[in-house]
Amino acid sequence: MRTIRVQTSGATILLTEAPEPKVRDRQTGERAKDAVSGEPLMTIGVVYIEEGESSLIKVTVPESGVAEGLVLGSPVLLPGLIARPWESVFNGQQRHGIAYRCAAVTPAAFPVAAGA
């Protein structure tokens, strides 16, 4: 399916869930890995705020792209953020959504308020 680059320069992105291993198979506990590099994957939760609207999203990140010093509630950068629509049938029901992935997650600074 098509991937869509997400422009994040005008957004504030705050970390809401600490990085944790992405699981491929919940029954066996098998970790998800990148299909090309074989690197283990992690997931994070963020709130994406832009133009007065916000969304809670989960983002997949390669394990090596998770920076040290991440603090819950603090702003982060998500370089190379993409969105990929998906759909599947599970237990006879059609499901769909958007999967988000980025190259890394790093600490950022809070935006400076106008007139400050």
Protein backbone atom coordinates (compact mmCIF):
# COMPACT_ATOMS: atom_id res chain seq x y z
CA MET A 1 0.00 0.00 0.00
CA ARG A 2 0.97 3.60 -0.43
CA THR A 3 2.94 5.43 2.24
CA ILE A 4 2.29 9.09 2.96
CA ARG A 5 4.98 11.41 4.35
CA VAL A 6 3.75 13.38 7.35
CA GLN A 7 4.98 16.98 7.55
CA THR A 8 5.69 17.62 11.25
CA SER A 9 7.33 21.07 11.13
CA GLY A 10 4.15 22.87 12.25
CA ALA A 11 3.18 20.36 14.92
CA THR A 12 3.92 19.86 18.59
CA ILE A 13 4.47 16.20 19.40
CA LEU A 14 4.51 15.06 23.04
CA LEU A 15 5.56 11.63 24.31
CA THR A 16 2.65 9.93 26.10
CA GLU A 17 3.85 6.30 26.27
CA ALA A 18 7.44 5.17 26.85
CA PRO A 19 9.11 3.02 24.17
CA GLU A 20 8.31 -0.67 24.47
CA PRO A 21 9.11 -3.68 22.29
CA LYS A 22 6.68 -4.24 19.43
CA VAL A 23 5.28 -7.78 19.58
CA ARG A 24 4.59 -9.71 16.39
CA ASP A 25 2.81 -12.68 18.00
CA ARG A 26 1.12 -12.11 21.36
CA GLN A 27 0.78 -15.85 22.05
CA THR A 28 4.50 -16.60 21.70
CA GLY A 29 5.84 -13.15 22.62
CA GLU A 30 7.84 -13.03 19.37
CA ARG A 31 9.25 -9.54 18.73
CA ALA A 32 8.43 -7.69 15.53
CA LYS A 33 11.43 -6.98 13.30
CA ASP A 34 12.04 -4.75 10.32
CA ALA A 35 11.40 -6.75 7.13
CA VAL A 36 14.53 -5.40 5.41
CA SER A 37 17.14 -4.96 8.14
CA GLY A 38 15.88 -7.51 10.68
CA GLU A 39 16.25 -4.90 13.43
CA PRO A 40 13.86 -5.23 16.41
CA LEU A 41 11.07 -2.64 16.47
CA MET A 42 9.68 -0.52 19.29
CA THR A 43 6.40 1.38 19.71
CA ILE A 44 5.79 4.73 21.37
CA GLY A 45 2.64 6.71 22.08
CA VAL A 46 2.47 10.41 21.23
CA VAL A 47 -0.06 13.18 21.08
CA TYR A 48 0.21 15.03 17.77
CA ILE A 49 -1.00 18.65 18.07
CA GLU A 50 -1.43 20.89 15.04
CA GLU A 51 -3.68 23.87 14.28
CA GLY A 52 -5.65 23.48 17.52
CA GLU A 53 -6.43 19.78 17.00
CA SER A 54 -4.82 16.77 18.63
CA SER A 55 -4.63 13.03 18.02
CA LEU A 56 -3.21 10.19 20.07
CA ILE A 57 -1.17 7.87 17.85
CA LYS A 58 1.13 4.87 18.20
CA VAL A 59 4.35 5.04 16.19
CA THR A 60 6.74 2.21 15.29
CA VAL A 61 10.45 3.01 15.57
CA PRO A 62 13.56 0.88 14.97
CA GLU A 63 15.18 0.01 18.31
CA SER A 64 18.40 1.85 17.33
CA GLY A 65 16.36 5.01 16.62
CA VAL A 66 15.12 5.40 20.20
CA ALA A 67 17.20 8.17 21.79
CA GLU A 68 18.28 8.27 25.42
CA GLY A 69 16.74 10.88 27.70
CA LEU A 70 13.11 10.62 26.57
CA VAL A 71 10.72 11.89 29.26
CA LEU A 72 6.96 11.31 29.33
CA GLY A 73 5.07 14.52 28.56
CA SER A 74 8.05 16.13 26.86
CA PRO A 75 8.23 17.19 23.21
CA VAL A 76 9.86 14.83 20.71
CA LEU A 77 10.92 14.85 17.07
CA LEU A 78 9.87 12.04 14.71
CA PRO A 79 12.14 12.34 11.65
CA GLY A 80 10.91 10.53 8.57
CA LEU A 81 7.36 10.06 9.91
CA ILE A 82 5.11 8.23 7.45
CA ALA A 83 1.51 7.04 7.54
CA ARG A 84 0.42 3.82 5.85
CA PRO A 85 -3.28 2.91 5.48
CA TRP A 86 -4.04 -0.77 6.18
CA GLU A 87 -6.97 -3.15 6.18
CA SER A 88 -7.50 -6.77 7.12
CA VAL A 89 -10.15 -9.31 8.03
CA PHE A 90 -10.01 -10.61 11.63
CA ASN A 91 -12.55 -13.14 12.91
CA GLY A 92 -14.70 -12.42 9.87
CA GLN A 93 -14.76 -8.67 10.48
CA GLN A 94 -13.20 -6.06 8.22
CA ARG A 95 -10.74 -3.83 10.09
CA HIS A 96 -8.81 -0.82 8.87
CA GLY A 97 -6.65 2.00 10.16
CA ILE A 98 -3.45 3.94 9.72
CA ALA A 99 -0.04 2.68 10.83
CA TYR A 100 2.64 5.26 11.65
CA ARG A 101 6.38 4.71 11.43
CA CYS A 102 9.46 6.92 11.75
CA ALA A 103 13.22 6.56 11.57
CA ALA A 104 13.86 7.77 15.13
CA VAL A 105 12.40 9.45 18.20
CA THR A 106 14.53 12.16 19.82
CA PRO A 107 13.99 14.81 22.51
CA ALA A 108 12.91 18.25 21.27
CA ALA A 109 12.35 21.67 22.83
CA PHE A 110 8.98 23.23 23.55
CA PRO A 111 8.06 25.81 20.91
CA VAL A 112 8.75 29.40 21.96
CA ALA A 113 5.51 31.36 22.40
CA ALA A 114 5.06 34.46 20.24
CA GLY A 115 6.08 37.59 22.12
CA ALA A 116 8.06 35.65 24.73
